[in-house]
């Protein structure tokens, strides 16, 4: 079998390995390409992407320490790529995303900002910028970024609506929050079950107890990660509706579910 002899061949083999989710092999091929010609920004960029994907796989496997190491490696590669090609919006986006995964939200924001300055319609950057602000409890600013992501048809559209609903809820804009949760559910967000729970919260805060109860029930049915709290607030809704027997049942379910969750 003939061995690749030039930079282009190694890069193409790296791309093939990346497309096949063989990220270790991709990293090796990109490094071979770099060893032949260290001036190609794409080699560093894609090497960073491969390290990032390994980090994602590590997170899914519960290997947090390895994930952190891979995200840090990804950051180093993106930075090398940017040194060679400073106007690469993609490199800034993925650099921001890697910082986000490391919970370095201020650095993530700085890079998403740089990405947007280069390419104003980079929709996904607005979404992750919004998430960074959200985790810094900067809800007003986060809401603006989620809306900009929606306006630019981000691939995260359904999740944008869910997150936007959360920011509006924390800003005490309950009616608007409820509308966003509804949109998220229509688009079948990965947070669909939790959106019902949050929608119930918004309705409860608006003193719409019957409607809130319906949403909490749907949240429980859908398997929300907030199932214990959904039981509690469903009980509270029934109590407000003077359905005391049902309220008591739901409070008991909350205690059972909460104790079960605490043991895990």
C-alpha atoms as a PDB file:
ATOM      1  CA  UNK A   1       0.000   0.000   0.000  1.00  0.00           C
ATOM      2  CA  UNK A   2       1.412   3.406  -0.987  1.00  0.00           C
ATOM      3  CA  UNK A   3       1.926   5.865   1.867  1.00  0.00           C
ATOM      4  CA  UNK A   4       0.794   9.507   1.439  1.00  0.00           C
ATOM      5  CA  UNK A   5       3.723  11.705   0.526  1.00  0.00           C
ATOM      6  CA  UNK A   6       2.456  15.272   0.665  1.00  0.00           C
ATOM      7  CA  UNK A   7       0.462  17.695   2.796  1.00  0.00           C
ATOM      8  CA  UNK A   8      -2.658  17.506   0.651  1.00  0.00           C
ATOM      9  CA  UNK A   9      -2.847  13.724   0.880  1.00  0.00           C
ATOM     10  CA  UNK A  10      -2.506  13.720   4.678  1.00  0.00           C
ATOM     11  CA  UNK A  11      -5.123  16.466   4.994  1.00  0.00           C
ATOM     12  CA  UNK A  12      -7.562  14.554   2.794  1.00  0.00           C
ATOM     13  CA  UNK A  13      -6.970  11.378   4.822  1.00  0.00           C
ATOM     14  CA  UNK A  14      -7.625  13.430   7.943  1.00  0.00           C
ATOM     15  CA  UNK A  15     -10.916  14.666   6.490  1.00  0.00           C
ATOM     16  CA  UNK A  16     -11.922  11.126   5.573  1.00  0.00           C
ATOM     17  CA  UNK A  17     -11.145   9.879   9.087  1.00  0.00           C
ATOM     18  CA  UNK A  18     -13.031  12.837  10.617  1.00  0.00           C
ATOM     19  CA  UNK A  19     -16.103  12.141   8.477  1.00  0.00           C
ATOM     20  CA  UNK A  20     -15.987   8.529   9.675  1.00  0.00           C
ATOM     21  CA  UNK A  21     -15.827   9.677  13.339  1.00  0.00           C
ATOM     22  CA  UNK A  22     -12.304   8.255  13.635  1.00  0.00           C
ATOM     23  CA  UNK A  23     -10.993  11.307  15.428  1.00  0.00           C
ATOM     24  CA  UNK A  24      -7.719   9.833  16.739  1.00  0.00           C
ATOM     25  CA  UNK A  25      -6.718   8.878  13.195  1.00  0.00           C
ATOM     26  CA  UNK A  26      -7.798  12.290  11.928  1.00  0.00           C
ATOM     27  CA  UNK A  27      -5.612  14.013  14.520  1.00  0.00           C
ATOM     28  CA  UNK A  28      -2.645  11.884  13.434  1.00  0.00           C
ATOM     29  CA  UNK A  29      -3.160  12.670   9.736  1.00  0.00           C
ATOM     30  CA  UNK A  30      -3.528  16.411  10.351  1.00  0.00           C
ATOM     31  CA  UNK A  31      -0.317  16.327  12.385  1.00  0.00           C
ATOM     32  CA  UNK A  32       1.484  14.599   9.498  1.00  0.00           C
ATOM     33  CA  UNK A  33       0.246  17.387   7.245  1.00  0.00           C
ATOM     34  CA  UNK A  34       1.454  20.031   9.717  1.00  0.00           C
ATOM     35  CA  UNK A  35       4.865  18.360   9.961  1.00  0.00           C
ATOM     36  CA  UNK A  36       5.176  18.677   6.185  1.00  0.00           C
ATOM     37  CA  UNK A  37       3.850  22.257   6.024  1.00  0.00           C
ATOM     38  CA  UNK A  38       3.137  24.101   9.315  1.00  0.00           C
ATOM     39  CA  UNK A  39       1.625  27.134   7.562  1.00  0.00           C
ATOM     40  CA  UNK A  40      -1.783  25.653   6.664  1.00  0.00           C
ATOM     41  CA  UNK A  41      -4.489  27.058   8.975  1.00  0.00           C
ATOM     42  CA  UNK A  42      -6.987  24.340   7.988  1.00  0.00           C
ATOM     43  CA  UNK A  43      -4.820  21.588   9.476  1.00  0.00           C
ATOM     44  CA  UNK A  44      -4.887  23.237  12.889  1.00  0.00           C
ATOM     45  CA  UNK A  45      -8.578  24.087  12.625  1.00  0.00           C
ATOM     46  CA  UNK A  46      -9.631  20.554  11.774  1.00  0.00           C
ATOM     47  CA  UNK A  47      -7.245  19.080  14.312  1.00  0.00           C
ATOM     48  CA  UNK A  48      -9.028  21.275  16.851  1.00  0.00           C
ATOM     49  CA  UNK A  49     -12.379  20.008  15.625  1.00  0.00           C
ATOM     50  CA  UNK A  50     -11.222  16.411  16.082  1.00  0.00           C
ATOM     51  CA  UNK A  51     -10.038  17.091  19.652  1.00  0.00           C
ATOM     52  CA  UNK A  52     -13.356  18.815  20.357  1.00  0.00           C
ATOM     53  CA  UNK A  53     -15.365  15.826  19.123  1.00  0.00           C
ATOM     54  CA  UNK A  54     -13.271  13.527  21.303  1.00  0.00           C
ATOM     55  CA  UNK A  55     -14.151  15.801  24.218  1.00  0.00           C
ATOM     56  CA  UNK A  56     -17.839  15.447  23.420  1.00  0.00           C
ATOM     57  CA  UNK A  57     -17.521  11.664  23.304  1.00  0.00           C
ATOM     58  CA  UNK A  58     -15.692  11.722  26.646  1.00  0.00           C
ATOM     59  CA  UNK A  59     -18.493  13.750  28.230  1.00  0.00           C
ATOM     60  CA  UNK A  60     -21.054  11.256  26.955  1.00  0.00           C
ATOM     61  CA  UNK A  61     -18.972   8.451  28.491  1.00  0.00           C
ATOM     62  CA  UNK A  62     -18.578  10.232  31.829  1.00  0.00           C
ATOM     63  CA  UNK A  63     -14.831  10.749  31.312  1.00  0.00           C
ATOM     64  CA  UNK A  64     -14.774  14.371  32.416  1.00  0.00           C
ATOM     65  CA  UNK A  65     -11.017  14.666  32.979  1.00  0.00           C
ATOM     66  CA  UNK A  66     -10.250  13.382  29.500  1.00  0.00           C
ATOM     67  CA  UNK A  67     -12.877  15.705  28.071  1.00  0.00           C
ATOM     68  CA  UNK A  68     -11.251  18.724  29.711  1.00  0.00           C
ATOM     69  CA  UNK A  69      -7.867  17.732  28.272  1.00  0.00           C
ATOM     70  CA  UNK A  70      -9.338  17.344  24.793  1.00  0.00           C
ATOM     71  CA  UNK A  71     -11.138  20.695  24.959  1.00  0.00           C
ATOM     72  CA  UNK A  72      -7.883  22.348  26.001  1.00  0.00           C
ATOM     73  CA  UNK A  73      -6.105  20.680  23.086  1.00  0.00           C
ATOM     74  CA  UNK A  74      -8.858  21.908  20.775  1.00  0.00           C
ATOM     75  CA  UNK A  75      -8.420  25.460  22.068  1.00  0.00           C
ATOM     76  CA  UNK A  76      -4.676  25.355  21.380  1.00  0.00           C
ATOM     77  CA  UNK A  77      -5.278  24.168  17.809  1.00  0.00           C
ATOM     78  CA  UNK A  78      -7.959  26.786  17.085  1.00  0.00           C
ATOM     79  CA  UNK A  79      -5.658  29.505  18.376  1.00  0.00           C
ATOM     80  CA  UNK A  80      -2.856  28.331  16.071  1.00  0.00           C
ATOM     81  CA  UNK A  81      -5.283  28.365  13.158  1.00  0.00           C
ATOM     82  CA  UNK A  82      -6.381  31.914  13.993  1.00  0.00           C
ATOM     83  CA  UNK A  83      -2.755  33.090  14.163  1.00  0.00           C
ATOM     84  CA  UNK A  84      -2.359  32.035  10.539  1.00  0.00           C
ATOM     85  CA  UNK A  85      -5.857  33.002   9.357  1.00  0.00           C
ATOM     86  CA  UNK A  86      -7.279  35.688  11.683  1.00  0.00           C
ATOM     87  CA  UNK A  87     -10.476  36.210   9.681  1.00  0.00           C
ATOM     88  CA  UNK A  88     -11.801  32.654  10.027  1.00  0.00           C
ATOM     89  CA  UNK A  89     -15.228  32.974  11.656  1.00  0.00           C
ATOM     90  CA  UNK A  90     -15.511  29.196  12.050  1.00  0.00           C
ATOM     91  CA  UNK A  91     -12.319  29.033  14.120  1.00  0.00           C
ATOM     92  CA  UNK A  92     -13.591  31.728  16.486  1.00  0.00           C
ATOM     93  CA  UNK A  93     -16.969  29.976  16.769  1.00  0.00           C
ATOM     94  CA  UNK A  94     -15.468  26.634  17.716  1.00  0.00           C
ATOM     95  CA  UNK A  95     -12.940  28.307  19.999  1.00  0.00           C
ATOM     96  CA  UNK A  96     -15.842  29.958  21.809  1.00  0.00           C
ATOM     97  CA  UNK A  97     -17.696  26.648  21.948  1.00  0.00           C
ATOM     98  CA  UNK A  98     -14.661  24.911  23.520  1.00  0.00           C
ATOM     99  CA  UNK A  99     -14.376  27.648  26.157  1.00  0.00           C
ATOM    100  CA  UNK A 100     -18.114  27.236  26.807  1.00  0.00           C
ATOM    101  CA  UNK A 101     -17.672  23.515  27.443  1.00  0.00           C
ATOM    102  CA  UNK A 102     -14.961  24.406  29.969  1.00  0.00           C
ATOM    103  CA  UNK A 103     -17.440  26.819  31.623  1.00  0.00           C
ATOM    104  CA  UNK A 104     -15.197  29.777  30.800  1.00  0.00           C
ATOM    105  CA  UNK A 105     -18.147  31.831  29.693  1.00  0.00           C
ATOM    106  CA  UNK A 106     -16.471  35.241  29.459  1.00  0.00           C
ATOM    107  CA  UNK A 107     -13.847  33.828  27.091  1.00  0.00           C
ATOM    108  CA  UNK A 108     -16.558  32.049  25.143  1.00  0.00           C
ATOM    109  CA  UNK A 109     -18.451  35.324  24.728  1.00  0.00           C
ATOM    110  CA  UNK A 110     -15.328  37.159  23.532  1.00  0.00           C
ATOM    111  CA  UNK A 111     -14.831  34.597  20.773  1.00  0.00           C
ATOM    112  CA  UNK A 112     -18.482  34.428  19.730  1.00  0.00           C
ATOM    113  CA  UNK A 113     -18.359  38.219  19.515  1.00  0.00           C
ATOM    114  CA  UNK A 114     -15.285  38.017  17.288  1.00  0.00           C
ATOM    115  CA  UNK A 115     -17.014  35.412  15.128  1.00  0.00           C
ATOM    116  CA  UNK A 116     -20.018  37.697  14.669  1.00  0.00           C
ATOM    117  CA  UNK A 117     -17.828  40.665  13.825  1.00  0.00           C
ATOM    118  CA  UNK A 118     -16.367  38.647  10.956  1.00  0.00           C
ATOM    119  CA  UNK A 119     -19.663  37.047   9.881  1.00  0.00           C
ATOM    120  CA  UNK A 120     -22.749  38.840  11.190  1.00  0.00           C
ATOM    121  CA  UNK A 121     -25.205  36.132  10.102  1.00  0.00           C
ATOM    122  CA  UNK A 122     -23.448  33.289  11.968  1.00  0.00           C
ATOM    123  CA  UNK A 123     -26.691  32.124  13.598  1.00  0.00           C
ATOM    124  CA  UNK A 124     -25.326  29.354  15.820  1.00  0.00           C
ATOM    125  CA  UNK A 125     -22.832  31.740  17.420  1.00  0.00           C
ATOM    126  CA  UNK A 126     -25.749  33.834  18.707  1.00  0.00           C
ATOM    127  CA  UNK A 127     -27.252  30.728  20.331  1.00  0.00           C
ATOM    128  CA  UNK A 128     -24.096  29.781  22.225  1.00  0.00           C
ATOM    129  CA  UNK A 129     -23.433  33.419  23.053  1.00  0.00           C
ATOM    130  CA  UNK A 130     -26.923  33.467  24.562  1.00  0.00           C
ATOM    131  CA  UNK A 131     -26.169  30.302  26.544  1.00  0.00           C
ATOM    132  CA  UNK A 132     -22.943  31.839  27.867  1.00  0.00           C
ATOM    133  CA  UNK A 133     -24.818  34.903  29.074  1.00  0.00           C
ATOM    134  CA  UNK A 134     -27.581  32.700  30.494  1.00  0.00           C
ATOM    135  CA  UNK A 135     -25.134  30.793  32.690  1.00  0.00           C
ATOM    136  CA  UNK A 136     -23.721  34.111  33.875  1.00  0.00           C
ATOM    137  CA  UNK A 137     -27.283  35.069  34.940  1.00  0.00           C
ATOM    138  CA  UNK A 138     -27.314  37.919  32.411  1.00  0.00           C
ATOM    139  CA  UNK A 139     -30.852  37.178  31.313  1.00  0.00           C
ATOM    140  CA  UNK A 140     -31.691  40.432  29.540  1.00  0.00           C
ATOM    141  CA  UNK A 141     -28.619  40.166  27.318  1.00  0.00           C
ATOM    142  CA  UNK A 142     -29.146  36.430  26.819  1.00  0.00           C
ATOM    143  CA  UNK A 143     -32.722  37.017  25.629  1.00  0.00           C
ATOM    144  CA  UNK A 144     -31.451  39.352  22.912  1.00  0.00           C
ATOM    145  CA  UNK A 145     -28.956  36.781  21.645  1.00  0.00           C
ATOM    146  CA  UNK A 146     -31.537  33.978  21.576  1.00  0.00           C
ATOM    147  CA  UNK A 147     -33.871  36.226  19.586  1.00  0.00           C
ATOM    148  CA  UNK A 148     -31.085  37.068  17.156  1.00  0.00           C
ATOM    149  CA  UNK A 149     -30.384  33.360  16.767  1.00  0.00           C
ATOM    150  CA  UNK A 150     -34.070  32.729  16.023  1.00  0.00           C
ATOM    151  CA  UNK A 151     -34.176  35.598  13.538  1.00  0.00           C
ATOM    152  CA  UNK A 152     -31.238  34.052  11.659  1.00  0.00           C
ATOM    153  CA  UNK A 153     -32.752  30.545  11.533  1.00  0.00           C
ATOM    154  CA  UNK A 154     -30.210  28.860  13.781  1.00  0.00           C
ATOM    155  CA  UNK A 155     -30.145  25.063  13.738  1.00  0.00           C
ATOM    156  CA  UNK A 156     -30.941  25.374  17.460  1.00  0.00           C
ATOM    157  CA  UNK A 157     -34.253  27.125  16.779  1.00  0.00           C
ATOM    158  CA  UNK A 158     -36.364  24.870  19.030  1.00  0.00           C
ATOM    159  CA  UNK A 159     -33.885  25.153  21.898  1.00  0.00           C
ATOM    160  CA  UNK A 160     -33.613  28.899  21.332  1.00  0.00           C
ATOM    161  CA  UNK A 161     -37.296  29.233  22.162  1.00  0.00           C
ATOM    162  CA  UNK A 162     -36.919  27.101  25.292  1.00  0.00           C
ATOM    163  CA  UNK A 163     -33.932  29.091  26.560  1.00  0.00           C
ATOM    164  CA  UNK A 164     -35.603  32.361  25.620  1.00  0.00           C
ATOM    165  CA  UNK A 165     -38.641  31.246  27.613  1.00  0.00           C
ATOM    166  CA  UNK A 166     -36.406  30.644  30.623  1.00  0.00           C
ATOM    167  CA  UNK A 167     -34.780  34.069  30.381  1.00  0.00           C
ATOM    168  CA  UNK A 168     -38.162  35.778  30.110  1.00  0.00           C
ATOM    169  CA  UNK A 169     -39.439  33.766  33.084  1.00  0.00           C
ATOM    170  CA  UNK A 170     -36.505  34.922  35.215  1.00  0.00           C
ATOM    171  CA  UNK A 171     -37.247  38.467  34.074  1.00  0.00           C
ATOM    172  CA  UNK A 172     -40.835  38.027  35.407  1.00  0.00           C
ATOM    173  CA  UNK A 173     -42.294  38.211  31.884  1.00  0.00           C
ATOM    174  CA  UNK A 174     -44.507  35.195  32.376  1.00  0.00           C
ATOM    175  CA  UNK A 175     -46.912  35.584  29.467  1.00  0.00           C
ATOM    176  CA  UNK A 176     -44.070  36.036  27.002  1.00  0.00           C
ATOM    177  CA  UNK A 177     -42.241  33.095  28.554  1.00  0.00           C
ATOM    178  CA  UNK A 178     -45.313  30.878  28.125  1.00  0.00           C
ATOM    179  CA  UNK A 179     -45.495  31.806  24.439  1.00  0.00           C
ATOM    180  CA  UNK A 180     -41.852  30.834  23.894  1.00  0.00           C
ATOM    181  CA  UNK A 181     -42.277  27.482  25.653  1.00  0.00           C
ATOM    182  CA  UNK A 182     -45.242  26.798  23.395  1.00  0.00           C
ATOM    183  CA  UNK A 183     -43.135  27.533  20.307  1.00  0.00           C
ATOM    184  CA  UNK A 184     -40.370  25.269  21.606  1.00  0.00           C
ATOM    185  CA  UNK A 185     -42.817  22.405  22.046  1.00  0.00           C
ATOM    186  CA  UNK A 186     -44.240  22.924  18.546  1.00  0.00           C
ATOM    187  CA  UNK A 187     -40.731  22.550  17.140  1.00  0.00           C
ATOM    188  CA  UNK A 188     -40.177  19.372  19.216  1.00  0.00           C
ATOM    189  CA  UNK A 189     -37.242  20.691  21.216  1.00  0.00           C
ATOM    190  CA  UNK A 190     -35.004  18.226  23.033  1.00  0.00           C
ATOM    191  CA  UNK A 191     -36.250  20.095  26.116  1.00  0.00           C
ATOM    192  CA  UNK A 192     -39.899  19.438  25.280  1.00  0.00           C
ATOM    193  CA  UNK A 193     -40.752  17.713  28.571  1.00  0.00           C
ATOM    194  CA  UNK A 194     -39.025  20.428  30.586  1.00  0.00           C
ATOM    195  CA  UNK A 195     -40.725  23.102  28.485  1.00  0.00           C
ATOM    196  CA  UNK A 196     -44.093  21.837  29.733  1.00  0.00           C
ATOM    197  CA  UNK A 197     -42.812  22.128  33.304  1.00  0.00           C
ATOM    198  CA  UNK A 198     -41.522  25.663  32.772  1.00  0.00           C
ATOM    199  CA  UNK A 199     -44.715  26.590  30.960  1.00  0.00           C
ATOM    200  CA  UNK A 200     -46.588  25.382  34.010  1.00  0.00           C
ATOM    201  CA  UNK A 201     -44.375  27.612  36.188  1.00  0.00           C
ATOM    202  CA  UNK A 202     -45.170  30.634  34.025  1.00  0.00           C
ATOM    203  CA  UNK A 203     -48.897  29.936  34.230  1.00  0.00           C
ATOM    204  CA  UNK A 204     -48.741  29.351  37.982  1.00  0.00           C
ATOM    205  CA  UNK A 205     -46.916  32.651  38.470  1.00  0.00           C
ATOM    206  CA  UNK A 206     -49.721  34.257  36.427  1.00  0.00           C
ATOM    207  CA  UNK A 207     -52.267  32.646  38.788  1.00  0.00           C
ATOM    208  CA  UNK A 208     -53.686  30.475  36.004  1.00  0.00           C
ATOM    209  CA  UNK A 209     -53.804  27.402  38.168  1.00  0.00           C
ATOM    210  CA  UNK A 210     -56.003  25.119  36.058  1.00  0.00           C
ATOM    211  CA  UNK A 211     -53.845  25.656  32.982  1.00  0.00           C
ATOM    212  CA  UNK A 212     -50.707  25.277  35.086  1.00  0.00           C
ATOM    213  CA  UNK A 213     -51.955  21.937  36.412  1.00  0.00           C
ATOM    214  CA  UNK A 214     -52.480  20.692  32.858  1.00  0.00           C
ATOM    215  CA  UNK A 215     -48.918  21.610  31.885  1.00  0.00           C
ATOM    216  CA  UNK A 216     -47.407  20.002  34.987  1.00  0.00           C
ATOM    217  CA  UNK A 217     -49.349  16.828  34.241  1.00  0.00           C
ATOM    218  CA  UNK A 218     -48.046  16.805  30.673  1.00  0.00           C
ATOM    219  CA  UNK A 219     -44.518  17.411  31.953  1.00  0.00           C
ATOM    220  CA  UNK A 220     -44.779  14.341  34.194  1.00  0.00           C
ATOM    221  CA  UNK A 221     -46.243  12.310  31.342  1.00  0.00           C
ATOM    222  CA  UNK A 222     -43.379  13.361  29.036  1.00  0.00           C
ATOM    223  CA  UNK A 223     -40.746  12.361  31.616  1.00  0.00           C
ATOM    224  CA  UNK A 224     -39.344  15.753  32.542  1.00  0.00           C
ATOM    225  CA  UNK A 225     -36.097  15.875  34.488  1.00  0.00           C
ATOM    226  CA  UNK A 226     -38.089  18.096  36.879  1.00  0.00           C
ATOM    227  CA  UNK A 227     -40.647  15.358  37.515  1.00  0.00           C
ATOM    228  CA  UNK A 228     -40.418  15.605  41.316  1.00  0.00           C
ATOM    229  CA  UNK A 229     -40.932  19.360  41.299  1.00  0.00           C
ATOM    230  CA  UNK A 230     -43.679  19.022  38.692  1.00  0.00           C
ATOM    231  CA  UNK A 231     -45.520  16.810  41.206  1.00  0.00           C
ATOM    232  CA  UNK A 232     -45.050  19.424  43.919  1.00  0.00           C
ATOM    233  CA  UNK A 233     -46.311  22.326  41.825  1.00  0.00           C
ATOM    234  CA  UNK A 234     -49.136  20.217  40.469  1.00  0.00           C
ATOM    235  CA  UNK A 235     -50.122  19.703  44.109  1.00  0.00           C
ATOM    236  CA  UNK A 236     -49.833  23.442  44.727  1.00  0.00           C
ATOM    237  CA  UNK A 237     -52.046  24.116  41.705  1.00  0.00           C
ATOM    238  CA  UNK A 238     -54.678  21.701  42.986  1.00  0.00           C
ATOM    239  CA  UNK A 239     -54.484  23.367  46.393  1.00  0.00           C
ATOM    240  CA  UNK A 240     -55.133  26.764  44.815  1.00  0.00           C
ATOM    241  CA  UNK A 241     -58.097  25.191  43.009  1.00  0.00           C
ATOM    242  CA  UNK A 242     -59.335  23.854  46.388  1.00  0.00           C
ATOM    243  CA  UNK A 243     -58.901  20.250  45.257  1.00  0.00           C
ATOM    244  CA  UNK A 244     -57.270  19.294  48.509  1.00  0.00           C
ATOM    245  CA  UNK A 245     -57.369  15.512  48.196  1.00  0.00           C
ATOM    246  CA  UNK A 246     -55.605  15.652  44.827  1.00  0.00           C
ATOM    247  CA  UNK A 247     -53.162  18.176  46.233  1.00  0.00           C
ATOM    248  CA  UNK A 248     -52.261  15.858  49.090  1.00  0.00           C
ATOM    249  CA  UNK A 249     -51.677  12.973  46.682  1.00  0.00           C
ATOM    250  CA  UNK A 250     -49.290  15.051  44.594  1.00  0.00           C
ATOM    251  CA  UNK A 251     -47.393  16.300  47.638  1.00  0.00           C
ATOM    252  CA  UNK A 252     -46.924  12.666  48.688  1.00  0.00           C
ATOM    253  CA  UNK A 253     -45.672  11.823  45.187  1.00  0.00           C
ATOM    254  CA  UNK A 254     -43.258  14.731  45.380  1.00  0.00           C
ATOM    255  CA  UNK A 255     -41.840  13.442  48.667  1.00  0.00           C
ATOM    256  CA  UNK A 256     -41.437   9.936  47.209  1.00  0.00           C
ATOM    257  CA  UNK A 257     -39.816  11.159  43.994  1.00  0.00           C
ATOM    258  CA  UNK A 258     -37.618  13.669  45.795  1.00  0.00           C
ATOM    259  CA  UNK A 259     -36.339  11.035  48.221  1.00  0.00           C
ATOM    260  CA  UNK A 260     -35.700   8.654  45.331  1.00  0.00           C
ATOM    261  CA  UNK A 261     -33.786  11.342  43.415  1.00  0.00           C
ATOM    262  CA  UNK A 262     -31.743  12.251  46.492  1.00  0.00           C
ATOM    263  CA  UNK A 263     -30.557   8.639  46.846  1.00  0.00           C
ATOM    264  CA  UNK A 264     -29.231   8.517  43.254  1.00  0.00           C
END
